[in-house]
């Protein structure tokens, strides 16, 4: 699980260095089985991660919302 804006910025910087049009899918986590004690990814956090990645990439998508 990568939930930090710094990690998403670094990832999107790296991808953009190859090609800005490469898609990045940011998927919401829902706890199950052995990770049932975790919380689902916050919707507001997904929005911030989307905004961070969108600064570098043309095709950013949010899924599992």
PDB file of N, CA and C in Angstrom:
ATOM      1  N   UNK A   1       0.848  -1.176   0.000  1.00  0.00           N
ATOM      2  CA  UNK A   1       0.000   0.000   0.000  1.00  0.00           C
ATOM      3  C   UNK A   1       0.892   1.237   0.000  1.00  0.00           C
ATOM      4  N   UNK A   2       0.727   2.054  -1.001  1.00  0.00           N
ATOM      5  CA  UNK A   2       1.425   3.331  -1.075  1.00  0.00           C
ATOM      6  C   UNK A   2       0.388   4.418  -0.886  1.00  0.00           C
ATOM      7  N   UNK A   3       0.426   5.048   0.262  1.00  0.00           N
ATOM      8  CA  UNK A   3      -0.572   6.074   0.560  1.00  0.00           C
ATOM      9  C   UNK A   3       0.039   7.449   0.743  1.00  0.00           C
ATOM     10  N   UNK A   4       1.342   7.586   0.574  1.00  0.00           N
ATOM     11  CA  UNK A   4       1.934   8.895   0.815  1.00  0.00           C
ATOM     12  C   UNK A   4       2.027   9.686  -0.486  1.00  0.00           C
ATOM     13  N   UNK A   5       1.777  10.975  -0.367  1.00  0.00           N
ATOM     14  CA  UNK A   5       1.863  11.842  -1.533  1.00  0.00           C
ATOM     15  C   UNK A   5       3.293  11.885  -2.069  1.00  0.00           C
ATOM     16  N   UNK A   6       4.280  11.750  -1.185  1.00  0.00           N
ATOM     17  CA  UNK A   6       5.680  11.756  -1.608  1.00  0.00           C
ATOM     18  C   UNK A   6       5.984  10.551  -2.499  1.00  0.00           C
ATOM     19  N   UNK A   7       5.457   9.379  -2.127  1.00  0.00           N
ATOM     20  CA  UNK A   7       5.677   8.177  -2.939  1.00  0.00           C
ATOM     21  C   UNK A   7       4.994   8.295  -4.300  1.00  0.00           C
ATOM     22  N   UNK A   8       3.783   8.831  -4.318  1.00  0.00           N
ATOM     23  CA  UNK A   8       3.065   8.992  -5.584  1.00  0.00           C
ATOM     24  C   UNK A   8       3.757  10.038  -6.455  1.00  0.00           C
ATOM     25  N   UNK A   9       4.282  11.097  -5.838  1.00  0.00           N
ATOM     26  CA  UNK A   9       5.020  12.101  -6.608  1.00  0.00           C
ATOM     27  C   UNK A   9       6.266  11.482  -7.219  1.00  0.00           C
ATOM     28  N   UNK A  10       7.012  10.721  -6.432  1.00  0.00           N
ATOM     29  CA  UNK A  10       8.222  10.075  -6.947  1.00  0.00           C
ATOM     30  C   UNK A  10       7.878   9.097  -8.068  1.00  0.00           C
ATOM     31  N   UNK A  11       6.816   8.329  -7.885  1.00  0.00           N
ATOM     32  CA  UNK A  11       6.397   7.376  -8.908  1.00  0.00           C
ATOM     33  C   UNK A  11       5.980   8.095 -10.189  1.00  0.00           C
ATOM     34  N   UNK A  12       5.177   9.142 -10.060  1.00  0.00           N
ATOM     35  CA  UNK A  12       4.715   9.855 -11.254  1.00  0.00           C
ATOM     36  C   UNK A  12       5.861  10.609 -11.931  1.00  0.00           C
ATOM     37  N   UNK A  13       6.833  11.103 -11.157  1.00  0.00           N
ATOM     38  CA  UNK A  13       8.037  11.713 -11.742  1.00  0.00           C
ATOM     39  C   UNK A  13       8.787  10.691 -12.583  1.00  0.00           C
ATOM     40  N   UNK A  14       8.953   9.498 -12.038  1.00  0.00           N
ATOM     41  CA  UNK A  14       9.685   8.432 -12.729  1.00  0.00           C
ATOM     42  C   UNK A  14       8.964   8.022 -14.015  1.00  0.00           C
ATOM     43  N   UNK A  15       7.649   7.825 -13.913  1.00  0.00           N
ATOM     44  CA  UNK A  15       6.872   7.440 -15.099  1.00  0.00           C
ATOM     45  C   UNK A  15       6.931   8.548 -16.154  1.00  0.00           C
ATOM     46  N   UNK A  16       6.791   9.803 -15.725  1.00  0.00           N
ATOM     47  CA  UNK A  16       6.822  10.932 -16.664  1.00  0.00           C
ATOM     48  C   UNK A  16       8.173  11.034 -17.363  1.00  0.00           C
ATOM     49  N   UNK A  17       9.239  10.606 -16.682  1.00  0.00           N
ATOM     50  CA  UNK A  17      10.562  10.598 -17.304  1.00  0.00           C
ATOM     51  C   UNK A  17      10.638   9.638 -18.478  1.00  0.00           C
ATOM     52  N   UNK A  18       9.772   8.659 -18.488  1.00  0.00           N
ATOM     53  CA  UNK A  18       9.691   7.711 -19.604  1.00  0.00           C
ATOM     54  C   UNK A  18       8.726   8.264 -20.653  1.00  0.00           C
ATOM     55  N   UNK A  19       7.508   8.584 -20.214  1.00  0.00           N
ATOM     56  CA  UNK A  19       6.479   9.107 -21.130  1.00  0.00           C
ATOM     57  C   UNK A  19       5.265   9.555 -20.321  1.00  0.00           C
ATOM     58  N   UNK A  20       4.884  10.837 -20.462  1.00  0.00           N
ATOM     59  CA  UNK A  20       3.755  11.402 -19.703  1.00  0.00           C
ATOM     60  C   UNK A  20       2.432  10.698 -19.962  1.00  0.00           C
ATOM     61  N   UNK A  21       2.302  10.051 -21.111  1.00  0.00           N
ATOM     62  CA  UNK A  21       1.014   9.451 -21.465  1.00  0.00           C
ATOM     63  C   UNK A  21       0.824   8.040 -20.903  1.00  0.00           C
ATOM     64  N   UNK A  22       1.835   7.494 -20.222  1.00  0.00           N
ATOM     65  CA  UNK A  22       1.678   6.174 -19.591  1.00  0.00           C
ATOM     66  C   UNK A  22       0.622   6.296 -18.490  1.00  0.00           C
ATOM     67  N   UNK A  23      -0.393   5.439 -18.491  1.00  0.00           N
ATOM     68  CA  UNK A  23      -1.451   5.552 -17.479  1.00  0.00           C
ATOM     69  C   UNK A  23      -1.000   5.079 -16.097  1.00  0.00           C
ATOM     70  N   UNK A  24      -1.548   5.725 -15.091  1.00  0.00           N
ATOM     71  CA  UNK A  24      -1.336   5.325 -13.700  1.00  0.00           C
ATOM     72  C   UNK A  24      -2.709   5.126 -13.074  1.00  0.00           C
ATOM     73  N   UNK A  25      -2.936   3.939 -12.530  1.00  0.00           N
ATOM     74  CA  UNK A  25      -4.198   3.613 -11.870  1.00  0.00           C
ATOM     75  C   UNK A  25      -3.970   3.621 -10.363  1.00  0.00           C
ATOM     76  N   UNK A  26      -4.720   4.442  -9.661  1.00  0.00           N
ATOM     77  CA  UNK A  26      -4.665   4.513  -8.201  1.00  0.00           C
ATOM     78  C   UNK A  26      -5.929   3.826  -7.698  1.00  0.00           C
ATOM     79  N   UNK A  27      -5.749   2.727  -7.001  1.00  0.00           N
ATOM     80  CA  UNK A  27      -6.876   1.882  -6.611  1.00  0.00           C
ATOM     81  C   UNK A  27      -7.113   1.946  -5.110  1.00  0.00           C
ATOM     82  N   UNK A  28      -8.356   2.094  -4.732  1.00  0.00           N
ATOM     83  CA  UNK A  28      -8.729   2.130  -3.320  1.00  0.00           C
ATOM     84  C   UNK A  28      -8.592   0.741  -2.706  1.00  0.00           C
ATOM     85  N   UNK A  29      -8.014   0.708  -1.523  1.00  0.00           N
ATOM     86  CA  UNK A  29      -7.815  -0.535  -0.784  1.00  0.00           C
ATOM     87  C   UNK A  29      -9.016  -0.797   0.113  1.00  0.00           C
ATOM     88  N   UNK A  30      -9.489  -2.039   0.106  1.00  0.00           N
ATOM     89  CA  UNK A  30     -10.513  -2.488   1.048  1.00  0.00           C
ATOM     90  C   UNK A  30      -9.956  -3.679   1.819  1.00  0.00           C
ATOM     91  N   UNK A  31      -9.976  -3.619   3.147  1.00  0.00           N
ATOM     92  CA  UNK A  31      -9.400  -4.702   3.948  1.00  0.00           C
ATOM     93  C   UNK A  31     -10.189  -6.000   3.833  1.00  0.00           C
ATOM     94  N   UNK A  32      -9.448  -7.093   3.763  1.00  0.00           N
ATOM     95  CA  UNK A  32     -10.045  -8.423   3.733  1.00  0.00           C
ATOM     96  C   UNK A  32      -9.059  -9.415   4.318  1.00  0.00           C
ATOM     97  N   UNK A  33      -9.561 -10.540   4.685  1.00  0.00           N
ATOM     98  CA  UNK A  33      -8.790 -11.690   5.150  1.00  0.00           C
ATOM     99  C   UNK A  33      -7.719 -11.310   6.177  1.00  0.00           C
ATOM    100  N   UNK A  34      -6.460 -11.495   5.851  1.00  0.00           N
ATOM    101  CA  UNK A  34      -5.389 -11.279   6.827  1.00  0.00           C
ATOM    102  C   UNK A  34      -5.125  -9.805   7.117  1.00  0.00           C
ATOM    103  N   UNK A  35      -5.694  -8.920   6.325  1.00  0.00           N
ATOM    104  CA  UNK A  35      -5.525  -7.485   6.568  1.00  0.00           C
ATOM    105  C   UNK A  35      -6.846  -6.843   6.986  1.00  0.00           C
ATOM    106  N   UNK A  36      -7.719  -7.624   7.584  1.00  0.00           N
ATOM    107  CA  UNK A  36      -9.041  -7.135   7.965  1.00  0.00           C
ATOM    108  C   UNK A  36      -8.991  -6.079   9.063  1.00  0.00           C
ATOM    109  N   UNK A  37      -7.861  -5.950   9.736  1.00  0.00           N
ATOM    110  CA  UNK A  37      -7.748  -4.965  10.806  1.00  0.00           C
ATOM    111  C   UNK A  37      -7.355  -3.579  10.283  1.00  0.00           C
ATOM    112  N   UNK A  38      -7.146  -3.437   8.978  1.00  0.00           N
ATOM    113  CA  UNK A  38      -6.802  -2.151   8.369  1.00  0.00           C
ATOM    114  C   UNK A  38      -8.075  -1.405   7.972  1.00  0.00           C
ATOM    115  N   UNK A  39      -7.920  -0.130   7.704  1.00  0.00           N
ATOM    116  CA  UNK A  39      -9.043   0.683   7.240  1.00  0.00           C
ATOM    117  C   UNK A  39      -8.991   0.813   5.721  1.00  0.00           C
ATOM    118  N   UNK A  40     -10.137   1.012   5.072  1.00  0.00           N
ATOM    119  CA  UNK A  40     -10.108   1.271   3.631  1.00  0.00           C
ATOM    120  C   UNK A  40      -9.447   2.620   3.356  1.00  0.00           C
ATOM    121  N   UNK A  41      -8.924   2.764   2.167  1.00  0.00           N
ATOM    122  CA  UNK A  41      -8.291   4.021   1.776  1.00  0.00           C
ATOM    123  C   UNK A  41      -9.327   5.140   1.784  1.00  0.00           C
ATOM    124  N   UNK A  42      -8.978   6.250   2.391  1.00  0.00           N
ATOM    125  CA  UNK A  42      -9.860   7.405   2.498  1.00  0.00           C
ATOM    126  C   UNK A  42     -10.082   8.038   1.117  1.00  0.00           C
ATOM    127  N   UNK A  43     -11.320   8.388   0.815  1.00  0.00           N
ATOM    128  CA  UNK A  43     -11.668   8.979  -0.481  1.00  0.00           C
ATOM    129  C   UNK A  43     -10.940  10.311  -0.691  1.00  0.00           C
ATOM    130  N   UNK A  44     -10.840  11.128   0.344  1.00  0.00           N
ATOM    131  CA  UNK A  44     -10.134  12.409   0.222  1.00  0.00           C
ATOM    132  C   UNK A  44      -8.660  12.196  -0.104  1.00  0.00           C
ATOM    133  N   UNK A  45      -8.069  11.170   0.500  1.00  0.00           N
ATOM    134  CA  UNK A  45      -6.672  10.846   0.208  1.00  0.00           C
ATOM    135  C   UNK A  45      -6.518  10.451  -1.255  1.00  0.00           C
ATOM    136  N   UNK A  46      -7.446   9.654  -1.772  1.00  0.00           N
ATOM    137  CA  UNK A  46      -7.393   9.281  -3.193  1.00  0.00           C
ATOM    138  C   UNK A  46      -7.403  10.523  -4.076  1.00  0.00           C
ATOM    139  N   UNK A  47      -8.211  11.491  -3.729  1.00  0.00           N
ATOM    140  CA  UNK A  47      -8.268  12.734  -4.496  1.00  0.00           C
ATOM    141  C   UNK A  47      -6.952  13.480  -4.471  1.00  0.00           C
ATOM    142  N   UNK A  48      -6.319  13.539  -3.297  1.00  0.00           N
ATOM    143  CA  UNK A  48      -5.022  14.214  -3.191  1.00  0.00           C
ATOM    144  C   UNK A  48      -3.947  13.473  -3.980  1.00  0.00           C
ATOM    145  N   UNK A  49      -3.967  12.135  -3.913  1.00  0.00           N
ATOM    146  CA  UNK A  49      -2.996  11.346  -4.671  1.00  0.00           C
ATOM    147  C   UNK A  49      -3.209  11.533  -6.167  1.00  0.00           C
ATOM    148  N   UNK A  50      -4.471  11.581  -6.590  1.00  0.00           N
ATOM    149  CA  UNK A  50      -4.800  11.835  -7.992  1.00  0.00           C
ATOM    150  C   UNK A  50      -4.232  13.185  -8.429  1.00  0.00           C
ATOM    151  N   UNK A  51      -4.487  14.224  -7.638  1.00  0.00           N
ATOM    152  CA  UNK A  51      -4.007  15.569  -7.974  1.00  0.00           C
ATOM    153  C   UNK A  51      -2.484  15.613  -8.061  1.00  0.00           C
ATOM    154  N   UNK A  52      -1.817  14.928  -7.141  1.00  0.00           N
ATOM    155  CA  UNK A  52      -0.351  14.886  -7.141  1.00  0.00           C
ATOM    156  C   UNK A  52       0.170  14.237  -8.414  1.00  0.00           C
ATOM    157  N   UNK A  53      -0.382  13.094  -8.771  1.00  0.00           N
ATOM    158  CA  UNK A  53       0.081  12.375  -9.962  1.00  0.00           C
ATOM    159  C   UNK A  53      -0.278  13.129 -11.239  1.00  0.00           C
ATOM    160  N   UNK A  54      -1.418  13.786 -11.257  1.00  0.00           N
ATOM    161  CA  UNK A  54      -1.902  14.477 -12.455  1.00  0.00           C
ATOM    162  C   UNK A  54      -0.997  15.651 -12.835  1.00  0.00           C
ATOM    163  N   UNK A  55      -0.221  16.165 -11.898  1.00  0.00           N
ATOM    164  CA  UNK A  55       0.723  17.248 -12.202  1.00  0.00           C
ATOM    165  C   UNK A  55       1.795  16.788 -13.183  1.00  0.00           C
ATOM    166  N   UNK A  56       2.091  15.483 -13.192  1.00  0.00           N
ATOM    167  CA  UNK A  56       3.155  14.942 -14.040  1.00  0.00           C
ATOM    168  C   UNK A  56       2.650  14.072 -15.181  1.00  0.00           C
ATOM    169  N   UNK A  57       1.455  13.506 -15.027  1.00  0.00           N
ATOM    170  CA  UNK A  57       0.977  12.510 -15.984  1.00  0.00           C
ATOM    171  C   UNK A  57      -0.352  12.936 -16.607  1.00  0.00           C
ATOM    172  N   UNK A  58      -0.546  12.523 -17.852  1.00  0.00           N
ATOM    173  CA  UNK A  58      -1.773  12.877 -18.569  1.00  0.00           C
ATOM    174  C   UNK A  58      -2.929  11.923 -18.287  1.00  0.00           C
ATOM    175  N   UNK A  59      -2.619  10.682 -17.935  1.00  0.00           N
ATOM    176  CA  UNK A  59      -3.652   9.648 -17.793  1.00  0.00           C
ATOM    177  C   UNK A  59      -3.595   9.014 -16.402  1.00  0.00           C
ATOM    178  N   UNK A  60      -4.290   9.635 -15.466  1.00  0.00           N
ATOM    179  CA  UNK A  60      -4.353   9.128 -14.089  1.00  0.00           C
ATOM    180  C   UNK A  60      -5.804   8.739 -13.821  1.00  0.00           C
ATOM    181  N   UNK A  61      -5.986   7.560 -13.237  1.00  0.00           N
ATOM    182  CA  UNK A  61      -7.331   7.031 -13.003  1.00  0.00           C
ATOM    183  C   UNK A  61      -7.461   6.542 -11.563  1.00  0.00           C
ATOM    184  N   UNK A  62      -8.632   6.762 -10.983  1.00  0.00           N
ATOM    185  CA  UNK A  62      -8.939   6.247  -9.646  1.00  0.00           C
ATOM    186  C   UNK A  62      -9.903   5.081  -9.819  1.00  0.00           C
ATOM    187  N   UNK A  63      -9.651   3.994  -9.091  1.00  0.00           N
ATOM    188  CA  UNK A  63     -10.511   2.827  -9.204  1.00  0.00           C
ATOM    189  C   UNK A  63     -10.940   2.285  -7.861  1.00  0.00           C
ATOM    190  N   UNK A  64     -11.916   1.394  -7.903  1.00  0.00           N
ATOM    191  CA  UNK A  64     -12.429   0.691  -6.730  1.00  0.00           C
ATOM    192  C   UNK A  64     -13.055   1.646  -5.716  1.00  0.00           C
ATOM    193  N   UNK A  65     -13.753   2.648  -6.220  1.00  0.00           N
ATOM    194  CA  UNK A  65     -14.358   3.652  -5.341  1.00  0.00           C
ATOM    195  C   UNK A  65     -15.806   3.289  -5.098  1.00  0.00           C
TER     196      UNK A  65
END
